[in-house]
Amino acid sequence: MLGKTGFQVSSITLGGGGIGMVWGSTTEEECIETVKQAVACGINMLDLAPVYGRGKSEEVVGQAWRHLSPKPLVATKVFVMPEDRKDFAGAVRRSLEGSLRRLRLERVDIFQLHNQIEPQEPTAPRRLTLQEVVGPGGVLEAMQKLKDEGVVKALGFTGIARHDVVRELFTDGRLATVQLVTNILCSEGEMGAPGDASYRDHLEMVRLAQAAGFGVFGIRPFAAGSLTAAIDRALPADHPVVRDFALAQQHLGFLKTETASSLSAAAMRYALSLSGVSTVVTGAKNRAELAEAVAATDAGPLTPTMMERLVTLQRTVLARDKR
């Protein structure tokens, strides 16, 4: 169950990053076929966003929709841009209207805030303050109005960066789902910032979300490509994903032999092993990557001994080398 939404969801969700052509080279035709194959093999949740390929992920699903049976649940997001901070109601409504148009739908099941949130004035222009989100005239008020109108069924948010703020949002009765990082490296990659580090505890966030009755989307299981055989797109040498990839190559090679699988398959199985995670999001951009994620699901969770070993590694070696 996806927390208090009442939705029963598949173990894995097809995310919009790959089919939005964010995670490396693919084609529109292949993305459409990937969506169709995902639903055919039992995936019943699609997690999209307008920023994935500038609407491409939603357009792909819109084109595939008439071929999908049974119809999956659809989640999308709103990312408030700096120029829209004086008109949250308008920005939120325009975002959803654009999503529905691209999806060729009249409503979506889950509508999520995509921005990162800080307690006070943000340190980055695309982050929001907690007051802008929860206060009168804020983002959640605008999202709740759309829920009241029946064009969305449940509300959620992306709980990355400042976990001190994420904790506070677990008590907001308007919210029902949260997206939390669930990869072996405990890394948010380029979505995080150095100043966030002292506030982050990824495993604790999953526990707290579950205790609060939230449905948890486990995101970034492959750490944006760091937990794969090779990064699938050109990135500068100092990019966080490149650094994470080197970290994984240095410390996690044993997973391939001890789990008899690829590093990416082991990474998916790790995320699926975390108690409290409702569904794990794979950003597959083609049917081959989708098949690997499904096969990892079929292989089942990692052993408790392996999970204990990985948690110890996170708290010691990985925590030290990420500083």
Protein backbone atom coordinates (compact mmCIF):
# COMPACT_ATOMS: atom_id res chain seq x y z
CA MET A 1 0.00 0.00 0.00
CA LEU A 2 1.18 3.51 -0.79
CA GLY A 3 0.68 4.80 2.73
CA LYS A 4 -2.62 6.50 3.48
CA THR A 5 -3.43 7.15 -0.20
CA GLY A 6 -5.24 3.82 -0.38
CA PHE A 7 -3.44 2.95 -3.61
CA GLN A 8 -1.97 -0.52 -3.96
CA VAL A 9 1.23 -0.20 -5.98
CA SER A 10 3.70 -2.49 -7.68
CA SER A 11 7.11 -3.07 -6.11
CA ILE A 12 8.71 -0.88 -8.76
CA THR A 13 7.49 2.29 -10.44
CA LEU A 14 8.51 3.47 -13.88
CA GLY A 15 9.97 6.96 -13.43
CA GLY A 16 10.03 9.70 -16.01
CA GLY A 17 13.75 10.44 -16.13
CA GLY A 18 14.62 7.77 -18.67
CA ILE A 19 11.56 8.14 -20.87
CA GLY A 20 12.06 11.88 -20.61
CA MET A 21 15.48 11.29 -22.18
CA VAL A 22 17.36 12.66 -19.17
CA TRP A 23 19.41 9.53 -18.43
CA GLY A 24 21.31 9.02 -21.67
CA SER A 25 20.53 8.36 -25.30
CA THR A 26 17.24 6.76 -26.36
CA THR A 27 14.44 7.39 -28.84
CA GLU A 28 10.83 8.46 -28.49
CA GLU A 29 9.67 5.17 -30.03
CA GLU A 30 11.75 3.15 -27.56
CA CYS A 31 10.42 5.21 -24.65
CA ILE A 32 6.82 4.58 -25.72
CA GLU A 33 7.53 0.86 -26.00
CA THR A 34 9.17 0.93 -22.56
CA VAL A 35 6.01 2.38 -21.02
CA LYS A 36 3.88 -0.27 -22.71
CA GLN A 37 6.22 -3.05 -21.59
CA ALA A 38 6.25 -1.74 -18.01
CA VAL A 39 2.47 -1.96 -17.73
CA ALA A 40 2.41 -5.34 -19.49
CA CYS A 41 4.77 -6.81 -16.88
CA GLY A 42 2.71 -5.57 -13.94
CA ILE A 43 4.03 -2.09 -13.10
CA ASN A 44 1.02 0.00 -12.14
CA MET A 45 2.60 3.36 -11.23
CA LEU A 46 4.23 5.98 -13.46
CA ASP A 47 6.13 8.80 -11.77
CA LEU A 48 6.59 11.79 -14.07
CA ALA A 49 7.41 15.50 -13.94
CA PRO A 50 7.30 18.48 -16.32
CA VAL A 51 11.06 18.99 -15.91
CA TYR A 52 11.87 15.51 -17.22
CA GLY A 53 12.88 16.39 -20.76
CA ARG A 54 10.84 19.61 -20.70
CA GLY A 55 7.60 17.68 -20.68
CA LYS A 56 8.85 14.76 -22.78
CA SER A 57 8.11 12.07 -20.17
CA GLU A 58 4.50 13.21 -19.97
CA GLU A 59 4.19 13.44 -23.76
CA VAL A 60 5.51 9.88 -24.10
CA VAL A 61 2.94 8.56 -21.63
CA GLY A 62 0.23 10.56 -23.41
CA GLN A 63 1.10 8.83 -26.67
CA ALA A 64 1.24 5.41 -25.05
CA TRP A 65 -1.90 5.81 -22.96
CA ARG A 66 -4.48 4.29 -25.31
CA HIS A 67 -2.35 1.14 -25.55
CA LEU A 68 -2.08 0.62 -21.78
CA SER A 69 -4.25 -2.00 -20.11
CA PRO A 70 -4.93 -2.01 -17.27
CA LYS A 71 -4.49 1.72 -16.86
CA PRO A 72 -1.70 2.54 -14.40
CA LEU A 73 -1.70 5.12 -11.65
CA VAL A 74 -0.06 8.38 -12.68
CA ALA A 75 1.96 10.71 -10.48
CA THR A 76 3.40 14.01 -11.63
CA LYS A 77 4.94 17.08 -10.03
CA VAL A 78 5.16 20.84 -9.92
CA PHE A 79 8.51 22.65 -9.81
CA VAL A 80 8.00 26.31 -8.88
CA MET A 81 10.49 28.52 -10.71
CA PRO A 82 11.99 31.65 -9.08
CA GLU A 83 9.90 33.99 -11.23
CA ASP A 84 6.70 32.30 -9.99
CA ARG A 85 7.29 32.80 -6.27
CA LYS A 86 4.89 35.77 -6.20
CA ASP A 87 2.02 33.68 -7.61
CA PHE A 88 2.06 30.18 -6.19
CA ALA A 89 -1.60 29.53 -6.98
CA GLY A 90 -1.13 30.44 -10.62
CA ALA A 91 2.15 28.57 -10.98
CA VAL A 92 0.79 25.37 -9.45
CA ARG A 93 -2.38 25.44 -11.56
CA ARG A 94 -0.53 26.21 -14.79
CA SER A 95 1.91 23.39 -14.13
CA LEU A 96 -0.83 20.82 -13.63
CA GLU A 97 -2.82 22.05 -16.60
CA GLY A 98 0.27 21.64 -18.77
CA SER A 99 0.86 18.13 -17.42
CA LEU A 100 -2.72 17.07 -18.08
CA ARG A 101 -2.54 18.43 -21.61
CA ARG A 102 0.64 16.48 -22.37
CA LEU A 103 -0.71 13.34 -20.68
CA ARG A 104 -4.08 13.65 -22.46
CA LEU A 105 -5.78 13.04 -19.12
CA GLU A 106 -8.41 14.86 -17.06
CA ARG A 107 -6.81 14.09 -13.69
CA VAL A 108 -3.80 12.46 -12.05
CA ASP A 109 -3.58 10.25 -9.00
CA ILE A 110 -0.71 11.94 -7.16
CA PHE A 111 0.53 15.52 -7.46
CA GLN A 112 3.89 16.24 -5.82
CA LEU A 113 6.00 19.28 -5.01
CA HIS A 114 9.39 18.87 -6.69
CA ASN A 115 11.35 21.79 -5.19
CA GLN A 116 13.80 21.35 -2.36
CA ILE A 117 12.80 23.19 0.80
CA GLU A 118 14.86 25.09 3.37
CA PRO A 119 13.86 26.56 6.75
CA GLN A 120 14.61 30.18 5.84
CA GLU A 121 15.59 32.12 2.71
CA PRO A 122 16.97 29.50 0.30
CA THR A 123 20.67 29.24 -0.48
CA ALA A 124 19.84 28.34 -4.10
CA PRO A 125 17.34 30.20 -6.32
CA ARG A 126 15.22 27.15 -7.14
CA ARG A 127 14.64 26.16 -3.51
CA LEU A 128 11.67 27.33 -1.47
CA THR A 129 11.28 28.32 2.17
CA LEU A 130 9.18 26.21 4.49
CA GLN A 131 6.80 29.15 4.98
CA GLU A 132 6.32 29.48 1.22
CA VAL A 133 5.27 25.85 1.14
CA VAL A 134 3.05 25.48 4.20
CA GLY A 135 1.91 29.04 4.97
CA PRO A 136 -1.23 30.91 3.89
CA GLY A 137 -1.19 31.48 0.15
CA GLY A 138 1.61 28.94 -0.17
CA VAL A 139 2.26 26.01 -2.45
CA LEU A 140 0.38 23.39 -0.45
CA GLU A 141 -2.70 25.58 -0.26
CA ALA A 142 -2.70 25.80 -4.05
CA MET A 143 -2.15 22.05 -4.40
CA GLN A 144 -4.92 21.30 -1.90
CA LYS A 145 -7.35 23.41 -3.91
CA LEU A 146 -6.71 21.25 -6.96
CA LYS A 147 -7.30 18.16 -4.82
CA ASP A 148 -10.57 19.64 -3.58
CA GLU A 149 -11.57 20.20 -7.21
CA GLY A 150 -10.97 16.52 -7.95
CA VAL A 151 -8.23 16.88 -10.55
CA VAL A 152 -5.72 15.17 -8.24
CA LYS A 153 -6.42 12.47 -5.68
CA ALA A 154 -3.45 12.71 -3.30
CA LEU A 155 -0.61 15.11 -2.59
CA GLY A 156 3.06 14.47 -1.95
CA PHE A 157 6.53 16.01 -2.02
CA THR A 158 10.16 15.24 -2.78
CA GLY A 159 11.97 14.88 0.52
CA ILE A 160 15.58 15.53 -0.37
CA ALA A 161 18.31 17.94 0.81
CA ARG A 162 17.23 19.34 4.21
CA HIS A 163 15.89 16.45 6.25
CA ASP A 164 15.19 18.74 9.20
CA VAL A 165 12.48 20.31 7.01
CA VAL A 166 11.31 16.95 5.70
CA ARG A 167 10.59 15.88 9.27
CA GLU A 168 8.32 18.87 9.78
CA LEU A 169 6.31 18.08 6.67
CA PHE A 170 5.49 14.59 7.96
CA THR A 171 2.99 16.26 10.29
CA ASP A 172 1.20 18.19 7.53
CA GLY A 173 -2.15 16.47 7.04
CA ARG A 174 -2.42 17.57 3.43
CA LEU A 175 0.46 15.36 2.35
CA ALA A 176 0.31 11.60 1.84
CA THR A 177 3.48 10.61 -0.07
CA VAL A 178 7.16 11.44 -0.03
CA GLN A 179 10.03 10.70 -2.40
CA LEU A 180 13.18 9.65 -0.54
CA VAL A 181 16.64 8.71 -1.77
CA THR A 182 17.20 4.96 -1.38
CA ASN A 183 20.57 4.06 -2.84
CA ILE A 184 23.54 2.28 -1.31
CA LEU A 185 25.66 5.44 -1.43
CA CYS A 186 22.97 7.49 0.37
CA SER A 187 23.68 10.09 -2.29
CA GLU A 188 21.48 12.79 -3.75
CA GLY A 189 24.11 13.56 -6.37
CA GLU A 190 23.71 16.92 -8.06
CA MET A 191 20.38 17.47 -6.30
CA GLY A 192 22.09 18.03 -2.97
CA ALA A 193 24.41 20.77 -1.77
CA PRO A 194 27.37 20.76 0.66
CA GLY A 195 25.39 22.64 3.28
CA ASP A 196 22.74 19.91 3.41
CA ALA A 197 25.03 17.12 4.54
CA SER A 198 24.80 17.60 8.30
CA TYR A 199 21.01 17.39 8.15
CA ARG A 200 20.74 14.18 6.13
CA ASP A 201 19.97 10.68 7.36
CA HIS A 202 18.37 8.70 4.57
CA LEU A 203 17.53 5.53 6.46
CA GLU A 204 16.04 7.48 9.36
CA MET A 205 13.83 9.40 6.93
CA VAL A 206 12.34 6.18 5.58
CA ARG A 207 11.59 5.03 9.13
CA LEU A 208 9.97 8.34 10.08
CA ALA A 209 7.92 8.47 6.90
CA GLN A 210 6.56 5.01 7.50
CA ALA A 211 5.74 5.87 11.13
CA ALA A 212 3.81 8.92 9.90
CA GLY A 213 1.77 6.80 7.51
CA PHE A 214 3.33 8.19 4.34
CA GLY A 215 3.65 6.25 1.14
CA VAL A 216 7.34 6.21 0.23
CA PHE A 217 8.67 6.36 -3.32
CA GLY A 218 12.27 5.11 -3.19
CA ILE A 219 14.09 7.29 -5.71
CA ARG A 220 17.54 7.28 -7.29
CA PRO A 221 18.24 3.59 -6.54
CA PHE A 222 21.08 3.70 -9.09
CA ALA A 223 22.40 7.04 -7.77
CA ALA A 224 21.81 8.72 -11.14
CA GLY A 225 23.97 6.13 -12.89
CA SER A 226 26.74 5.86 -10.29
CA LEU A 227 25.65 2.32 -9.37
CA THR A 228 25.89 0.90 -12.88
CA ALA A 229 28.59 -0.55 -15.10
CA ALA A 230 29.18 2.82 -16.81
CA ILE A 231 27.75 6.34 -16.73
CA ASP A 232 25.55 6.69 -19.80
CA ARG A 233 26.00 10.40 -20.53
CA ALA A 234 28.79 12.94 -20.77
CA LEU A 235 29.53 14.64 -17.43
CA PRO A 236 32.42 16.83 -16.26
CA ALA A 237 35.10 15.17 -14.16
CA ASP A 238 34.07 17.03 -11.01
CA HIS A 239 30.36 16.20 -11.30
CA PRO A 240 28.88 14.57 -8.16
CA VAL A 241 27.73 11.55 -10.18
CA VAL A 242 31.24 10.99 -11.50
CA ARG A 243 32.63 11.17 -7.97
CA ASP A 244 29.95 8.76 -6.75
CA PHE A 245 30.73 6.35 -9.59
CA ALA A 246 34.39 6.28 -8.53
CA LEU A 247 33.32 5.68 -4.93
CA ALA A 248 31.16 2.75 -5.98
CA GLN A 249 33.92 1.22 -8.08
CA GLN A 250 36.30 1.49 -5.16
CA HIS A 251 34.12 0.07 -2.40
CA LEU A 252 31.23 -1.94 -3.84
CA GLY A 253 32.84 -4.36 -6.27
CA PHE A 254 32.14 -7.26 -3.90
CA LEU A 255 28.40 -6.95 -4.60
CA LYS A 256 28.74 -8.37 -8.10
CA THR A 257 30.30 -11.60 -6.89
CA GLU A 258 28.46 -12.01 -3.59
CA THR A 259 25.00 -11.37 -5.06
CA ALA A 260 25.74 -13.03 -8.42
CA SER A 261 24.34 -10.03 -10.23
CA SER A 262 25.33 -6.72 -11.77
CA LEU A 263 25.96 -3.70 -9.58
CA SER A 264 22.75 -2.07 -10.82
CA ALA A 265 20.71 -5.19 -10.01
CA ALA A 266 22.21 -5.29 -6.52
CA ALA A 267 21.39 -1.59 -6.13
CA MET A 268 17.76 -2.19 -7.03
CA ARG A 269 17.54 -5.13 -4.65
CA TYR A 270 19.02 -2.97 -1.87
CA ALA A 271 16.31 -0.33 -2.33
CA LEU A 272 13.61 -3.00 -2.42
CA SER A 273 14.99 -4.45 0.83
CA LEU A 274 14.42 -1.28 2.85
CA SER A 275 11.48 -1.65 5.21
CA GLY A 276 9.04 1.22 4.80
CA VAL A 277 9.62 1.81 1.08
CA SER A 278 6.33 1.33 -0.79
CA THR A 279 7.70 1.28 -4.33
CA VAL A 280 11.11 1.87 -5.93
CA VAL A 281 11.38 4.16 -8.95
CA THR A 282 13.44 3.01 -11.91
CA GLY A 283 14.30 5.61 -14.52
CA ALA A 284 14.65 3.02 -17.29
CA LYS A 285 15.05 4.62 -20.72
CA ASN A 286 14.64 1.42 -22.71
CA ARG A 287 13.19 -2.07 -22.46
CA ALA A 288 16.55 -3.66 -21.63
CA GLU A 289 17.03 -1.50 -18.54
CA LEU A 290 13.42 -2.12 -17.55
CA ALA A 291 13.91 -5.88 -17.86
CA GLU A 292 16.95 -5.72 -15.59
CA ALA A 293 14.99 -3.82 -12.94
CA VAL A 294 12.15 -6.34 -13.11
CA ALA A 295 14.60 -9.24 -12.89
CA ALA A 296 16.16 -7.67 -9.79
CA THR A 297 12.70 -7.47 -8.26
CA ASP A 298 12.09 -11.13 -9.03
CA ALA A 299 15.43 -12.01 -7.40
CA GLY A 300 14.08 -10.66 -4.12
CA PRO A 301 15.62 -8.67 -1.27
CA LEU A 302 19.24 -8.87 -0.27
CA THR A 303 19.97 -11.06 2.74
CA PRO A 304 19.80 -9.46 6.20
CA THR A 305 23.54 -10.13 6.56
CA MET A 306 24.30 -8.27 3.34
CA MET A 307 22.05 -5.36 4.35
CA GLU A 308 23.83 -5.10 7.71
CA ARG A 309 27.17 -5.07 5.92
CA LEU A 310 26.05 -2.28 3.58
CA VAL A 311 24.65 -0.16 6.40
CA THR A 312 27.95 -0.51 8.28
CA LEU A 313 29.79 0.51 5.12
CA GLN A 314 27.52 3.57 4.76
CA ARG A 315 28.20 4.69 8.32
CA THR A 316 31.97 4.25 8.10
CA VAL A 317 33.94 4.07 4.87
CA LEU A 318 31.40 5.70 2.53
CA ALA A 319 30.59 8.47 5.01
CA ARG A 320 34.30 9.22 5.38
CA ASP A 321 35.12 9.19 1.66
CA LYS A 322 32.13 11.36 0.69
CA ARG A 323 33.33 14.22 2.88
